[in-house]
Amino acid sequence: MATVDSPVRIALVDDHATTRAGLRAWLEDTPQFEVVGEAADGVDALELAKRLSPDMMVVDISMPRMNGLALIEELHRGYPEIRMLVHSMYNNPQFVSDALQNGARGYVLKEEKSRDIVHAIELVGRGGIYISPSINMRPPPLDKLTKTERKVIILVAEGKSTREIAAHFCREDRTISAHRLNISRKLKTDNVADWVRYVIQRGWLEGYNHTGPGHE
C-alpha cells in the first residue's frame, strides 16, 4: 500500500480505451500517482486486482460482462484494502448510494474538469471521500446528534469497525453499539451509505473539506 512518500498505485477500469488513455495521461503527469494496469470490464478487473494488488481502482459504471457496481461489491469483499472511486457519466444519486453501500469511497462525474477528477483520485487514494458537488443528494435530517454520536458517526464514515471505535474511546463494544443504535433512530436509517452522506454534507470528514464537527 501507498505511504506518505510513495505514489498511489492505480488501476483504471473502463470499457472505453480513450477514457483510460485520458486518465492515464493526467495521472502520469504527477509524481504522486503510478498507473499499474488497465481493464476494460469487471471480470478482467478482478483478475488485475489479484495479480497487481493496486492501492486504488478508478471504476466506470456501465461495462460489459460485469458492471462497476457489481465489481465494487466483489472487490470490497475480496480485496477490502483497495480503495475504489467511481468515474461515471451518470449523475444519479441512487448510483452514488449503491456505490458507497457496496464499498466505494467516492463518485466523480466524467464531465468534471480534469483537475477536479485528479483531485478526487488523490483524495480517495489517500483515504478520503469525494462526491461530485453537482450530484443532488437528498439532504439529511436536521442534526440531532450528541457530541459523542458525532464522533462515532465520523469514525463509521471513515470505515472503522465497532471494535476499532470502542478502542478509540476506551469503551466496551456494547457501548459503541448503543451509540450506533441511537444514531440509527435519530437519522431514521441504519444504512452506512446514508451516514457517509450525512457526514460529508456537514463537512465533518478531514480531507473532504476543512470544516470541523463543531461547525454547522
Protein backbone atom coordinates (compact mmCIF):
# COMPACT_ATOMS: atom_id res chain seq x y z
CA MET A 1 0.00 0.00 0.00
CA ALA A 2 0.99 3.61 -0.60
CA THR A 3 2.77 5.51 2.16
CA VAL A 4 3.02 9.27 2.58
CA ASP A 5 6.08 9.38 0.33
CA SER A 6 5.29 6.63 -2.17
CA PRO A 7 3.00 7.06 -5.20
CA VAL A 8 -0.55 5.72 -5.15
CA ARG A 9 -0.65 2.65 -7.40
CA ILE A 10 -3.78 2.93 -9.53
CA ALA A 11 -5.64 0.62 -11.90
CA LEU A 12 -8.07 2.09 -14.44
CA VAL A 13 -11.27 0.19 -15.27
CA ASP A 14 -13.35 1.49 -18.19
CA ASP A 15 -14.57 -0.10 -21.42
CA HIS A 16 -13.55 2.98 -23.44
CA ALA A 17 -9.85 2.98 -24.30
CA THR A 18 -9.88 6.74 -24.95
CA THR A 19 -11.16 7.41 -21.41
CA ARG A 20 -8.46 5.22 -19.91
CA ALA A 21 -5.82 6.95 -22.04
CA GLY A 22 -7.01 10.37 -20.90
CA LEU A 23 -6.94 9.37 -17.24
CA ARG A 24 -3.52 7.79 -17.62
CA ALA A 25 -2.15 10.96 -19.22
CA TRP A 26 -3.46 13.16 -16.41
CA LEU A 27 -2.22 10.85 -13.67
CA GLU A 28 1.21 10.17 -15.11
CA ASP A 29 1.78 13.92 -15.24
CA THR A 30 2.08 13.97 -11.43
CA PRO A 31 4.63 12.03 -9.34
CA GLN A 32 2.14 11.02 -6.62
CA PHE A 33 0.40 8.54 -8.95
CA GLU A 34 1.55 5.40 -10.71
CA VAL A 35 -0.81 3.71 -13.18
CA VAL A 36 -0.04 0.00 -12.84
CA GLY A 37 -2.74 -1.53 -15.03
CA GLU A 38 -5.92 -1.20 -17.07
CA ALA A 39 -9.03 -3.32 -17.62
CA ALA A 40 -12.00 -2.95 -19.98
CA ASP A 41 -14.58 -4.78 -17.85
CA GLY A 42 -15.26 -6.05 -14.34
CA VAL A 43 -14.15 -9.62 -14.96
CA ASP A 44 -10.70 -8.56 -16.17
CA ALA A 45 -10.52 -6.02 -13.32
CA LEU A 46 -10.90 -8.77 -10.72
CA GLU A 47 -8.01 -10.69 -12.28
CA LEU A 48 -5.97 -7.48 -12.38
CA ALA A 49 -6.66 -6.87 -8.68
CA LYS A 50 -5.47 -10.37 -7.84
CA ARG A 51 -2.34 -10.06 -9.95
CA LEU A 52 -1.22 -6.48 -9.22
CA SER A 53 -2.72 -5.58 -5.82
CA PRO A 54 -3.15 -1.86 -6.63
CA ASP A 55 -3.78 0.69 -3.91
CA MET A 56 -6.76 2.05 -5.79
CA MET A 57 -9.11 1.39 -8.69
CA VAL A 58 -10.95 4.03 -10.73
CA VAL A 59 -14.09 2.29 -11.98
CA ASP A 60 -16.73 3.08 -14.61
CA ILE A 61 -20.37 2.08 -14.01
CA SER A 62 -21.51 0.80 -17.42
CA MET A 63 -19.25 -2.02 -18.65
CA PRO A 64 -19.74 -5.42 -20.34
CA ARG A 65 -19.65 -8.79 -18.52
CA MET A 66 -19.66 -7.16 -15.05
CA ASN A 67 -20.76 -3.59 -14.34
CA GLY A 68 -18.99 -1.23 -11.99
CA LEU A 69 -21.37 -1.59 -9.06
CA ALA A 70 -21.05 -5.39 -9.10
CA LEU A 71 -17.28 -5.08 -9.46
CA ILE A 72 -17.04 -2.75 -6.46
CA GLU A 73 -19.02 -5.20 -4.34
CA GLU A 74 -16.72 -8.09 -5.37
CA LEU A 75 -13.58 -6.05 -4.78
CA HIS A 76 -14.77 -4.89 -1.38
CA ARG A 77 -15.48 -8.49 -0.39
CA GLY A 78 -12.22 -9.97 -1.69
CA TYR A 79 -9.80 -7.04 -1.57
CA PRO A 80 -11.05 -4.60 1.10
CA GLU A 81 -7.71 -2.81 1.18
CA ILE A 82 -8.24 -1.46 -2.37
CA ARG A 83 -9.81 1.98 -2.37
CA MET A 84 -12.38 2.49 -5.11
CA LEU A 85 -13.57 5.63 -6.89
CA VAL A 86 -16.41 5.59 -9.40
CA HIS A 87 -15.72 7.67 -12.54
CA SER A 88 -19.01 7.87 -14.41
CA MET A 89 -21.15 9.89 -16.80
CA TYR A 90 -24.28 9.12 -14.74
CA ASN A 91 -25.37 11.91 -12.41
CA ASN A 92 -27.61 9.58 -10.46
CA PRO A 93 -27.95 9.81 -6.65
CA GLN A 94 -29.09 6.17 -6.47
CA PHE A 95 -25.90 5.03 -8.21
CA VAL A 96 -23.89 7.08 -5.69
CA SER A 97 -25.75 5.47 -2.80
CA ASP A 98 -25.32 1.97 -4.25
CA ALA A 99 -21.60 2.55 -4.90
CA LEU A 100 -20.96 3.74 -1.33
CA GLN A 101 -23.01 0.90 0.08
CA ASN A 102 -21.00 -1.60 -1.99
CA GLY A 103 -17.68 -0.25 -0.73
CA ALA A 104 -16.64 2.69 -2.93
CA ARG A 105 -15.08 5.73 -1.29
CA GLY A 106 -16.13 8.28 -3.89
CA TYR A 107 -18.04 9.15 -7.06
CA VAL A 108 -16.75 11.68 -9.60
CA LEU A 109 -18.51 12.65 -12.83
CA LYS A 110 -16.70 12.41 -16.15
CA GLU A 111 -17.98 15.89 -17.02
CA GLU A 112 -15.82 17.44 -14.29
CA LYS A 113 -12.68 19.35 -15.16
CA SER A 114 -9.52 17.26 -15.31
CA ARG A 115 -8.02 18.95 -12.23
CA ASP A 116 -11.14 18.10 -10.21
CA ILE A 117 -11.07 14.47 -11.33
CA VAL A 118 -7.39 14.24 -10.40
CA HIS A 119 -8.21 15.86 -7.04
CA ALA A 120 -10.92 13.24 -6.43
CA ILE A 121 -8.48 10.44 -7.25
CA GLU A 122 -5.84 11.90 -4.95
CA LEU A 123 -8.32 12.36 -2.10
CA VAL A 124 -9.72 8.82 -2.29
CA GLY A 125 -6.26 7.36 -2.90
CA ARG A 126 -5.04 8.88 0.36
CA GLY A 127 -8.04 7.64 2.36
CA GLY A 128 -10.58 10.44 1.92
CA ILE A 129 -14.05 10.51 0.41
CA TYR A 130 -15.22 12.50 -2.63
CA ILE A 131 -18.62 13.08 -4.25
CA SER A 132 -19.02 15.47 -7.19
CA PRO A 133 -20.65 18.67 -5.90
CA SER A 134 -23.14 18.75 -8.79
CA ILE A 135 -24.75 15.46 -7.70
CA ASN A 136 -28.00 16.39 -5.97
CA MET A 137 -28.16 14.13 -2.94
CA ARG A 138 -31.23 14.28 -0.67
CA PRO A 139 -30.43 16.46 2.35
CA PRO A 140 -30.19 14.51 5.62
CA PRO A 141 -32.39 15.29 8.64
CA LEU A 142 -31.53 18.27 10.85
CA ASP A 143 -28.65 17.48 13.15
CA LYS A 144 -29.83 15.84 16.37
CA LEU A 145 -26.66 14.01 17.37
CA THR A 146 -24.76 14.44 20.61
CA LYS A 147 -21.06 15.28 20.57
CA THR A 148 -20.13 11.63 21.17
CA GLU A 149 -22.54 10.42 18.48
CA ARG A 150 -20.96 12.85 16.04
CA LYS A 151 -17.53 11.37 16.75
CA VAL A 152 -18.89 7.84 16.36
CA ILE A 153 -20.58 8.54 13.01
CA ILE A 154 -17.42 10.21 11.69
CA LEU A 155 -15.37 7.12 12.58
CA VAL A 156 -18.00 4.89 10.94
CA ALA A 157 -17.82 7.04 7.79
CA GLU A 158 -14.04 6.62 7.82
CA GLY A 159 -14.54 2.85 7.68
CA LYS A 160 -13.80 1.98 11.31
CA SER A 161 -15.44 -1.11 12.86
CA THR A 162 -17.36 -1.11 16.14
CA ARG A 163 -14.36 -2.73 17.85
CA GLU A 164 -11.96 -0.11 16.47
CA ILE A 165 -14.27 2.70 17.58
CA ALA A 166 -14.55 1.15 21.05
CA ALA A 167 -10.75 1.06 21.29
CA HIS A 168 -10.59 4.71 20.19
CA PHE A 169 -12.91 5.73 23.05
CA CYS A 170 -11.55 3.13 25.51
CA ARG A 171 -15.08 1.78 25.88
CA GLU A 172 -16.73 -1.62 25.54
CA ASP A 173 -18.09 -2.74 22.17
CA ARG A 174 -21.65 -2.76 23.52
CA THR A 175 -21.37 0.94 24.42
CA ILE A 176 -20.50 1.83 20.84
CA SER A 177 -23.26 -0.46 19.58
CA ALA A 178 -25.69 1.52 21.74
CA HIS A 179 -24.44 4.79 20.24
CA ARG A 180 -24.86 3.34 16.74
CA LEU A 181 -28.41 2.31 17.58
CA ASN A 182 -29.19 5.83 18.81
CA ILE A 183 -27.73 7.29 15.61
CA SER A 184 -29.91 4.96 13.51
CA ARG A 185 -33.02 6.02 15.41
CA LYS A 186 -32.27 9.72 15.14
CA LEU A 187 -31.41 9.62 11.43
CA LYS A 188 -34.16 7.07 10.72
CA THR A 189 -31.69 4.88 8.81
CA ASP A 190 -29.02 2.30 9.60
CA ASN A 191 -27.64 2.44 6.06
CA VAL A 192 -23.92 3.30 6.28
CA ALA A 193 -24.03 5.00 2.87
CA ASP A 194 -26.64 7.39 4.26
CA TRP A 195 -24.42 8.02 7.27
CA VAL A 196 -21.46 8.80 4.98
CA ARG A 197 -23.56 11.34 3.07
CA TYR A 198 -24.72 12.84 6.37
CA VAL A 199 -21.11 13.36 7.48
CA ILE A 200 -19.95 14.68 4.10
CA GLN A 201 -22.77 17.20 3.78
CA ARG A 202 -21.82 18.65 7.16
CA GLY A 203 -18.13 18.87 6.29
CA TRP A 204 -17.09 16.64 9.18
CA LEU A 205 -14.60 14.45 7.31
CA GLU A 206 -11.00 15.61 7.43
CA GLY A 207 -9.73 15.75 3.85
CA TYR A 208 -13.19 16.27 2.36
CA ASN A 209 -13.13 19.91 3.38
CA HIS A 210 -11.68 21.89 6.27
CA THR A 211 -14.82 22.39 8.36
CA GLY A 212 -14.72 20.51 11.66
CA PRO A 213 -17.51 18.82 13.60
CA GLY A 214 -18.12 21.87 15.69
CA HIS A 215 -19.30 23.95 12.69
CA GLU A 216 -22.83 23.84 11.29
